[in-house]
PDB file of N, CA and C in Angstrom:
ATOM      1  N   MET A   1     -20.372 -85.804 -39.616  1.00  0.00           N
ATOM      2  CA  MET A   1     -21.005 -85.784 -40.630  1.00  0.00           C
ATOM      3  C   MET A   1     -21.209 -87.230 -41.071  1.00  0.00           C
ATOM      4  N   ILE A   2     -22.431 -87.776 -41.481  1.00  0.00           N
ATOM      5  CA  ILE A   2     -22.543 -89.273 -42.054  1.00  0.00           C
ATOM      6  C   ILE A   2     -21.835 -89.203 -43.554  1.00  0.00           C
ATOM      7  N   ALA A   3     -20.851 -90.041 -43.826  1.00  0.00           N
ATOM      8  CA  ALA A   3     -20.176 -90.195 -45.271  1.00  0.00           C
ATOM      9  C   ALA A   3     -21.653 -90.567 -46.363  1.00  0.00           C
ATOM     10  N   ASP A   4     -22.048 -91.787 -46.060  1.00  0.00           N
ATOM     11  CA  ASP A   4     -22.929 -92.251 -47.082  1.00  0.00           C
ATOM     12  C   ASP A   4     -24.268 -92.717 -46.403  1.00  0.00           C
ATOM     13  N   PRO A   5     -25.789 -91.765 -46.830  1.00  0.00           N
ATOM     14  CA  PRO A   5     -26.795 -92.266 -46.165  1.00  0.00           C
ATOM     15  C   PRO A   5     -27.244 -93.878 -46.285  1.00  0.00           C
ATOM     16  N   LEU A   6     -28.166 -94.122 -45.611  1.00  0.00           N
ATOM     17  CA  LEU A   6     -28.406 -95.130 -45.274  1.00  0.00           C
ATOM     18  C   LEU A   6     -29.528 -95.307 -46.842  1.00  0.00           C
ATOM     19  N   PRO A   7     -29.651 -96.645 -47.303  1.00  0.00           N
ATOM     20  CA  PRO A   7     -30.446 -96.905 -48.540  1.00  0.00           C
ATOM     21  C   PRO A   7     -31.934 -96.401 -47.928  1.00  0.00           C
ATOM     22  N   GLY A   8     -32.891 -96.330 -49.054  1.00  0.00           N
ATOM     23  CA  GLY A   8     -34.226 -95.826 -48.839  1.00  0.00           C
ATOM     24  C   GLY A   8     -34.865 -96.907 -47.948  1.00  0.00           C
ATOM     25  N   VAL A   9     -34.872 -98.067 -48.430  1.00  0.00           N
ATOM     26  CA  VAL A   9     -35.557 -98.892 -47.576  1.00  0.00           C
ATOM     27  C   VAL A   9     -34.973 -99.364 -46.097  1.00  0.00           C
ATOM     28  N   VAL A  10     -33.653 -99.371 -46.278  1.00  0.00           N
ATOM     29  CA  VAL A  10     -33.351 -99.358 -44.750  1.00  0.00           C
ATOM     30  C   VAL A  10     -33.740 -98.236 -43.587  1.00  0.00           C
ATOM     31  N   ALA A  11     -33.490 -97.012 -44.497  1.00  0.00           N
ATOM     32  CA  ALA A  11     -33.960 -95.927 -43.660  1.00  0.00           C
ATOM     33  C   ALA A  11     -35.440 -95.835 -43.234  1.00  0.00           C
ATOM     34  N   GLY A  12     -36.361 -96.361 -44.171  1.00  0.00           N
ATOM     35  CA  GLY A  12     -37.731 -96.131 -43.764  1.00  0.00           C
ATOM     36  C   GLY A  12     -37.963 -97.266 -42.907  1.00  0.00           C
ATOM     37  N   LEU A  13     -37.250 -98.605 -42.919  1.00  0.00           N
ATOM     38  CA  LEU A  13     -37.606 -99.702 -41.769  1.00  0.00           C
ATOM     39  C   LEU A  13     -37.150 -98.925 -40.521  1.00  0.00           C
ATOM     40  N   PHE A  14     -35.852 -98.274 -40.375  1.00  0.00           N
ATOM     41  CA  PHE A  14     -35.356 -97.609 -39.388  1.00  0.00           C
ATOM     42  C   PHE A  14     -36.278 -96.647 -38.678  1.00  0.00           C
ATOM     43  N   THR A  15     -36.935 -95.882 -39.296  1.00  0.00           N
ATOM     44  CA  THR A  15     -37.671 -94.768 -38.958  1.00  0.00           C
ATOM     45  C   THR A  15     -38.945 -95.578 -38.290  1.00  0.00           C
ATOM     46  N   VAL A  16     -39.583 -96.187 -38.997  1.00  0.00           N
ATOM     47  CA  VAL A  16     -40.979 -96.901 -38.420  1.00  0.00           C
ATOM     48  C   VAL A  16     -40.545 -97.706 -37.173  1.00  0.00           C
ATOM     49  N   PHE A  17     -39.358 -98.512 -37.077  1.00  0.00           N
ATOM     50  CA  PHE A  17     -38.924 -99.087 -35.831  1.00  0.00           C
ATOM     51  C   PHE A  17     -38.718 -97.884 -34.720  1.00  0.00           C
ATOM     52  N   ALA A  18     -38.272 -96.970 -35.066  1.00  0.00           N
ATOM     53  CA  ALA A  18     -38.144 -95.681 -34.299  1.00  0.00           C
ATOM     54  C   ALA A  18     -39.201 -94.984 -33.727  1.00  0.00           C
ATOM     55  N   LEU A  19     -40.324 -94.770 -34.467  1.00  0.00           N
ATOM     56  CA  LEU A  19     -41.498 -94.149 -34.345  1.00  0.00           C
ATOM     57  C   LEU A  19     -42.220 -95.165 -33.238  1.00  0.00           C
ATOM     58  N   ILE A  20     -42.363 -96.336 -33.492  1.00  0.00           N
ATOM     59  CA  ILE A  20     -43.196 -97.249 -32.705  1.00  0.00           C
ATOM     60  C   ILE A  20     -42.493 -97.549 -31.300  1.00  0.00           C
ATOM     61  N   GLY A  21     -41.096 -97.570 -31.313  1.00  0.00           N
ATOM     62  CA  GLY A  21     -40.669 -97.341 -30.127  1.00  0.00           C
ATOM     63  C   GLY A  21     -40.764 -96.077 -29.065  1.00  0.00           C
ATOM     64  N   MET A  22     -40.732 -94.845 -29.657  1.00  0.00           N
ATOM     65  CA  MET A  22     -41.149 -93.830 -29.146  1.00  0.00           C
ATOM     66  C   MET A  22     -42.493 -93.781 -28.513  1.00  0.00           C
ATOM     67  N   ILE A  23     -43.589 -93.971 -29.432  1.00  0.00           N
ATOM     68  CA  ILE A  23     -44.971 -94.371 -29.230  1.00  0.00           C
ATOM     69  C   ILE A  23     -45.272 -95.471 -28.076  1.00  0.00           C
ATOM     70  N   ASN A  24     -44.408 -96.215 -28.039  1.00  0.00           N
ATOM     71  CA  ASN A  24     -44.731 -97.210 -27.199  1.00  0.00           C
ATOM     72  C   ASN A  24     -44.164 -96.618 -25.641  1.00  0.00           C
ATOM     73  N   ALA A  25     -42.957 -96.003 -25.708  1.00  0.00           N
ATOM     74  CA  ALA A  25     -42.417 -95.397 -24.398  1.00  0.00           C
ATOM     75  C   ALA A  25     -43.231 -94.382 -24.155  1.00  0.00           C
ATOM     76  N   THR A  26     -44.023 -93.859 -24.848  1.00  0.00           N
ATOM     77  CA  THR A  26     -44.813 -92.670 -23.988  1.00  0.00           C
ATOM     78  C   THR A  26     -46.340 -93.207 -23.559  1.00  0.00           C
ATOM     79  N   ASN A  27     -46.344 -94.332 -24.240  1.00  0.00           N
ATOM     80  CA  ASN A  27     -47.727 -95.030 -23.500  1.00  0.00           C
ATOM     81  C   ASN A  27     -47.293 -95.777 -22.239  1.00  0.00           C
ATOM     82  N   HIS A  28     -46.264 -96.093 -22.316  1.00  0.00           N
ATOM     83  CA  HIS A  28     -45.900 -96.674 -20.851  1.00  0.00           C
ATOM     84  C   HIS A  28     -45.846 -95.618 -19.920  1.00  0.00           C
ATOM     85  N   SER A  29     -45.318 -94.451 -20.099  1.00  0.00           N
ATOM     86  CA  SER A  29     -45.194 -93.314 -19.030  1.00  0.00           C
ATOM     87  C   SER A  29     -46.328 -92.307 -18.852  1.00  0.00           C
ATOM     88  N   ASP A  30     -47.367 -92.762 -19.991  1.00  0.00           N
ATOM     89  CA  ASP A  30     -48.462 -91.666 -19.777  1.00  0.00           C
ATOM     90  C   ASP A  30     -49.113 -91.704 -18.347  1.00  0.00           C
ATOM     91  N   GLY A  31     -49.232 -92.820 -17.484  1.00  0.00           N
ATOM     92  CA  GLY A  31     -50.020 -92.665 -16.621  1.00  0.00           C
ATOM     93  C   GLY A  31     -49.394 -92.022 -15.576  1.00  0.00           C
ATOM     94  N   LEU A  32     -48.324 -91.425 -15.526  1.00  0.00           N
ATOM     95  CA  LEU A  32     -47.420 -90.570 -14.733  1.00  0.00           C
ATOM     96  C   LEU A  32     -47.883 -89.321 -14.790  1.00  0.00           C
ATOM     97  N   ASP A  33     -47.876 -88.388 -13.893  1.00  0.00           N
ATOM     98  CA  ASP A  33     -48.449 -87.105 -13.713  1.00  0.00           C
ATOM     99  C   ASP A  33     -47.475 -86.238 -14.683  1.00  0.00           C
ATOM    100  N   GLY A  34     -47.733 -85.781 -15.901  1.00  0.00           N
ATOM    101  CA  GLY A  34     -46.809 -84.919 -16.668  1.00  0.00           C
ATOM    102  C   GLY A  34     -45.471 -85.411 -17.120  1.00  0.00           C
ATOM    103  N   LEU A  35     -45.174 -86.597 -16.874  1.00  0.00           N
ATOM    104  CA  LEU A  35     -43.927 -87.458 -17.469  1.00  0.00           C
ATOM    105  C   LEU A  35     -44.156 -87.150 -18.804  1.00  0.00           C
ATOM    106  N   ALA A  36     -45.219 -87.853 -19.627  1.00  0.00           N
ATOM    107  CA  ALA A  36     -45.032 -88.225 -21.124  1.00  0.00           C
ATOM    108  C   ALA A  36     -44.956 -86.568 -21.640  1.00  0.00           C
ATOM    109  N   ARG A  37     -45.405 -85.394 -21.047  1.00  0.00           N
ATOM    110  CA  ARG A  37     -45.338 -84.096 -21.436  1.00  0.00           C
ATOM    111  C   ARG A  37     -43.963 -83.849 -21.578  1.00  0.00           C
ATOM    112  N   GLY A  38     -43.452 -83.927 -20.020  1.00  0.00           N
ATOM    113  CA  GLY A  38     -42.021 -83.735 -20.031  1.00  0.00           C
ATOM    114  C   GLY A  38     -41.030 -84.613 -21.113  1.00  0.00           C
ATOM    115  N   GLN A  39     -41.268 -85.664 -21.271  1.00  0.00           N
ATOM    116  CA  GLN A  39     -40.700 -86.500 -22.439  1.00  0.00           C
ATOM    117  C   GLN A  39     -40.775 -85.815 -23.657  1.00  0.00           C
ATOM    118  N   ALA A  40     -41.913 -85.347 -24.202  1.00  0.00           N
ATOM    119  CA  ALA A  40     -42.185 -84.983 -25.236  1.00  0.00           C
ATOM    120  C   ALA A  40     -41.553 -83.547 -25.677  1.00  0.00           C
ATOM    121  N   LEU A  41     -41.454 -82.671 -24.339  1.00  0.00           N
ATOM    122  CA  LEU A  41     -40.704 -81.371 -24.408  1.00  0.00           C
ATOM    123  C   LEU A  41     -39.303 -81.729 -24.816  1.00  0.00           C
ATOM    124  N   LEU A  42     -38.693 -82.526 -24.273  1.00  0.00           N
ATOM    125  CA  LEU A  42     -37.208 -82.942 -24.247  1.00  0.00           C
ATOM    126  C   LEU A  42     -36.953 -83.374 -25.828  1.00  0.00           C
ATOM    127  N   SER A  43     -37.803 -84.182 -26.102  1.00  0.00           N
ATOM    128  CA  SER A  43     -37.565 -84.747 -27.325  1.00  0.00           C
ATOM    129  C   SER A  43     -37.810 -83.781 -28.734  1.00  0.00           C
ATOM    130  N   LEU A  44     -38.866 -82.661 -28.312  1.00  0.00           N
ATOM    131  CA  LEU A  44     -38.811 -81.623 -29.273  1.00  0.00           C
ATOM    132  C   LEU A  44     -37.837 -80.486 -29.210  1.00  0.00           C
ATOM    133  N   ILE A  45     -37.134 -80.439 -28.110  1.00  0.00           N
ATOM    134  CA  ILE A  45     -35.888 -79.593 -28.120  1.00  0.00           C
ATOM    135  C   ILE A  45     -34.791 -80.249 -28.738  1.00  0.00           C
ATOM    136  N   ALA A  46     -34.722 -81.449 -28.594  1.00  0.00           N
ATOM    137  CA  ALA A  46     -33.643 -82.077 -29.209  1.00  0.00           C
ATOM    138  C   ALA A  46     -33.754 -82.168 -30.868  1.00  0.00           C
ATOM    139  N   ILE A  47     -35.112 -82.614 -30.985  1.00  0.00           N
ATOM    140  CA  ILE A  47     -35.054 -82.357 -32.672  1.00  0.00           C
ATOM    141  C   ILE A  47     -34.982 -80.903 -33.094  1.00  0.00           C
ATOM    142  N   ALA A  48     -35.414 -79.782 -32.563  1.00  0.00           N
ATOM    143  CA  ALA A  48     -34.925 -78.551 -32.832  1.00  0.00           C
ATOM    144  C   ALA A  48     -33.638 -78.427 -33.137  1.00  0.00           C
ATOM    145  N   ALA A  49     -32.989 -78.758 -32.021  1.00  0.00           N
ATOM    146  CA  ALA A  49     -31.541 -78.521 -32.038  1.00  0.00           C
ATOM    147  C   ALA A  49     -31.032 -79.134 -33.162  1.00  0.00           C
ATOM    148  N   LEU A  50     -31.300 -80.372 -33.736  1.00  0.00           N
ATOM    149  CA  LEU A  50     -30.418 -81.686 -34.778  1.00  0.00           C
ATOM    150  C   LEU A  50     -31.092 -80.529 -36.031  1.00  0.00           C
ATOM    151  N   GLY A  51     -32.463 -80.185 -36.113  1.00  0.00           N
ATOM    152  CA  GLY A  51     -32.409 -79.431 -37.069  1.00  0.00           C
ATOM    153  C   GLY A  51     -31.795 -78.175 -37.323  1.00  0.00           C
ATOM    154  N   TRP A  52     -31.390 -77.563 -36.441  1.00  0.00           N
ATOM    155  CA  TRP A  52     -30.675 -76.312 -36.520  1.00  0.00           C
ATOM    156  C   TRP A  52     -29.124 -76.927 -36.835  1.00  0.00           C
ATOM    157  N   LEU A  53     -28.647 -77.909 -36.297  1.00  0.00           N
ATOM    158  CA  LEU A  53     -27.051 -78.261 -36.609  1.00  0.00           C
ATOM    159  C   LEU A  53     -27.372 -78.727 -38.081  1.00  0.00           C
ATOM    160  N   VAL A  54     -28.051 -79.061 -38.838  1.00  0.00           N
ATOM    161  CA  VAL A  54     -27.972 -79.698 -40.065  1.00  0.00           C
ATOM    162  C   VAL A  54     -28.401 -78.669 -41.039  1.00  0.00           C
ATOM    163  N   GLY A  55     -28.954 -77.447 -40.582  1.00  0.00           N
ATOM    164  CA  GLY A  55     -29.531 -76.178 -41.481  1.00  0.00           C
ATOM    165  C   GLY A  55     -30.866 -76.324 -41.786  1.00  0.00           C
ATOM    166  N   ASP A  56     -31.612 -77.361 -41.300  1.00  0.00           N
ATOM    167  CA  ASP A  56     -32.971 -77.753 -41.557  1.00  0.00           C
ATOM    168  C   ASP A  56     -33.938 -76.370 -40.745  1.00  0.00           C
ATOM    169  N   THR A  57     -34.139 -75.380 -41.233  1.00  0.00           N
ATOM    170  CA  THR A  57     -34.787 -74.305 -40.545  1.00  0.00           C
ATOM    171  C   THR A  57     -36.525 -74.865 -40.423  1.00  0.00           C
ATOM    172  N   VAL A  58     -36.930 -75.288 -41.364  1.00  0.00           N
ATOM    173  CA  VAL A  58     -38.282 -75.575 -40.974  1.00  0.00           C
ATOM    174  C   VAL A  58     -38.614 -76.584 -40.155  1.00  0.00           C
ATOM    175  N   VAL A  59     -37.699 -77.550 -39.960  1.00  0.00           N
ATOM    176  CA  VAL A  59     -37.945 -78.426 -38.752  1.00  0.00           C
ATOM    177  C   VAL A  59     -37.586 -77.715 -37.747  1.00  0.00           C
ATOM    178  N   SER A  60     -36.861 -76.953 -37.443  1.00  0.00           N
ATOM    179  CA  SER A  60     -36.416 -76.324 -36.088  1.00  0.00           C
ATOM    180  C   SER A  60     -37.492 -75.444 -35.873  1.00  0.00           C
ATOM    181  N   ILE A  61     -38.190 -74.811 -36.695  1.00  0.00           N
ATOM    182  CA  ILE A  61     -39.327 -73.821 -36.318  1.00  0.00           C
ATOM    183  C   ILE A  61     -40.540 -74.565 -35.945  1.00  0.00           C
ATOM    184  N   ILE A  62     -40.909 -75.550 -36.249  1.00  0.00           N
ATOM    185  CA  ILE A  62     -41.879 -76.350 -36.119  1.00  0.00           C
ATOM    186  C   ILE A  62     -41.950 -77.233 -34.761  1.00  0.00           C
ATOM    187  N   ALA A  63     -40.728 -77.860 -34.733  1.00  0.00           N
ATOM    188  CA  ALA A  63     -40.165 -78.148 -33.276  1.00  0.00           C
ATOM    189  C   ALA A  63     -40.525 -77.136 -32.138  1.00  0.00           C
ATOM    190  N   LEU A  64     -40.099 -76.091 -32.447  1.00  0.00           N
ATOM    191  CA  LEU A  64     -39.697 -74.844 -31.322  1.00  0.00           C
ATOM    192  C   LEU A  64     -41.473 -74.583 -31.156  1.00  0.00           C
ATOM    193  N   ALA A  65     -42.017 -74.664 -32.353  1.00  0.00           N
ATOM    194  CA  ALA A  65     -43.446 -74.143 -31.982  1.00  0.00           C
ATOM    195  C   ALA A  65     -44.297 -75.224 -31.001  1.00  0.00           C
ATOM    196  N   ALA A  66     -43.909 -76.490 -31.617  1.00  0.00           N
ATOM    197  CA  ALA A  66     -44.378 -77.503 -30.394  1.00  0.00           C
ATOM    198  C   ALA A  66     -44.017 -77.576 -29.211  1.00  0.00           C
ATOM    199  N   THR A  67     -42.637 -77.080 -29.315  1.00  0.00           N
ATOM    200  CA  THR A  67     -42.082 -77.016 -27.601  1.00  0.00           C
ATOM    201  C   THR A  67     -42.933 -75.912 -27.154  1.00  0.00           C
ATOM    202  N   GLY A  68     -43.107 -74.816 -27.571  1.00  0.00           N
ATOM    203  CA  GLY A  68     -43.916 -73.834 -26.970  1.00  0.00           C
ATOM    204  C   GLY A  68     -45.158 -74.362 -26.303  1.00  0.00           C
ATOM    205  N   ALA A  69     -45.911 -74.980 -27.485  1.00  0.00           N
ATOM    206  CA  ALA A  69     -47.305 -75.507 -27.125  1.00  0.00           C
ATOM    207  C   ALA A  69     -47.168 -76.482 -25.736  1.00  0.00           C
ATOM    208  N   PHE A  70     -46.177 -77.318 -25.847  1.00  0.00           N
ATOM    209  CA  PHE A  70     -46.289 -78.418 -24.689  1.00  0.00           C
ATOM    210  C   PHE A  70     -45.805 -77.483 -23.455  1.00  0.00           C
ATOM    211  N   ALA A  71     -44.674 -76.688 -23.541  1.00  0.00           N
ATOM    212  CA  ALA A  71     -44.577 -75.909 -22.162  1.00  0.00           C
ATOM    213  C   ALA A  71     -45.797 -75.239 -21.512  1.00  0.00           C
ATOM    214  N   CYS A  72     -46.666 -74.630 -22.839  1.00  0.00           N
ATOM    215  CA  CYS A  72     -47.950 -73.956 -21.872  1.00  0.00           C
ATOM    216  C   CYS A  72     -48.781 -75.091 -21.371  1.00  0.00           C
ATOM    217  N   SER A  73     -48.615 -76.180 -22.033  1.00  0.00           N
ATOM    218  CA  SER A  73     -49.547 -77.202 -21.500  1.00  0.00           C
ATOM    219  C   SER A  73     -49.407 -77.712 -20.242  1.00  0.00           C
ATOM    220  N   ILE A  74     -47.971 -77.782 -20.000  1.00  0.00           N
ATOM    221  CA  ILE A  74     -47.398 -78.217 -18.733  1.00  0.00           C
ATOM    222  C   ILE A  74     -47.390 -77.190 -17.540  1.00  0.00           C
ATOM    223  N   TRP A  75     -47.391 -75.847 -18.154  1.00  0.00           N
ATOM    224  CA  TRP A  75     -47.404 -74.765 -17.120  1.00  0.00           C
ATOM    225  C   TRP A  75     -48.902 -74.386 -16.729  1.00  0.00           C
ATOM    226  N   ALA A  76     -49.963 -74.983 -17.713  1.00  0.00           N
ATOM    227  CA  ALA A  76     -51.501 -74.926 -17.288  1.00  0.00           C
ATOM    228  C   ALA A  76     -51.827 -75.998 -16.472  1.00  0.00           C
ATOM    229  N   TRP A  77     -51.251 -77.176 -16.664  1.00  0.00           N
ATOM    230  CA  TRP A  77     -51.797 -78.380 -16.075  1.00  0.00           C
ATOM    231  C   TRP A  77     -50.866 -78.042 -14.623  1.00  0.00           C
ATOM    232  N   GLY A  78     -49.874 -77.542 -14.340  1.00  0.00           N
ATOM    233  CA  GLY A  78     -49.213 -77.431 -13.265  1.00  0.00           C
ATOM    234  C   GLY A  78     -49.900 -76.214 -12.106  1.00  0.00           C
ATOM    235  N   ARG A  79     -50.773 -75.509 -12.814  1.00  0.00           N
ATOM    236  CA  ARG A  79     -51.495 -74.429 -12.165  1.00  0.00           C
ATOM    237  C   ARG A  79     -52.892 -74.950 -12.164  1.00  0.00           C
ATOM    238  N   GLY A  80     -53.075 -76.120 -12.129  1.00  0.00           N
ATOM    239  CA  GLY A  80     -54.628 -76.644 -12.384  1.00  0.00           C
ATOM    240  C   GLY A  80     -55.333 -76.209 -13.110  1.00  0.00           C
ATOM    241  N   MET A  81     -55.308 -75.816 -14.319  1.00  0.00           N
ATOM    242  CA  MET A  81     -56.256 -75.316 -15.521  1.00  0.00           C
ATOM    243  C   MET A  81     -56.185 -76.398 -16.518  1.00  0.00           C
ATOM    244  N   ARG A  82     -56.642 -77.647 -16.240  1.00  0.00           N
ATOM    245  CA  ARG A  82     -56.646 -78.568 -16.919  1.00  0.00           C
ATOM    246  C   ARG A  82     -57.897 -78.407 -17.827  1.00  0.00           C
TER     247      ARG A  82
END
């Protein structure tokens, strides 16, 4: 557990930096078949697990719902139902 949280400004800047990095990584891999969907699926599973570990059930439920949507998307794409 983290003893002292980051100050608001530092946490905000870190969050923006992390989001821009994730968006950039997704854009780079989007040209490959299904790779961006797979990355999003793994990221959502990690977010759901972290939400569960810290006791935030709302984050876990939303991430699991999005995980299900991405899993259905990958399954439909693989079956040729674009």
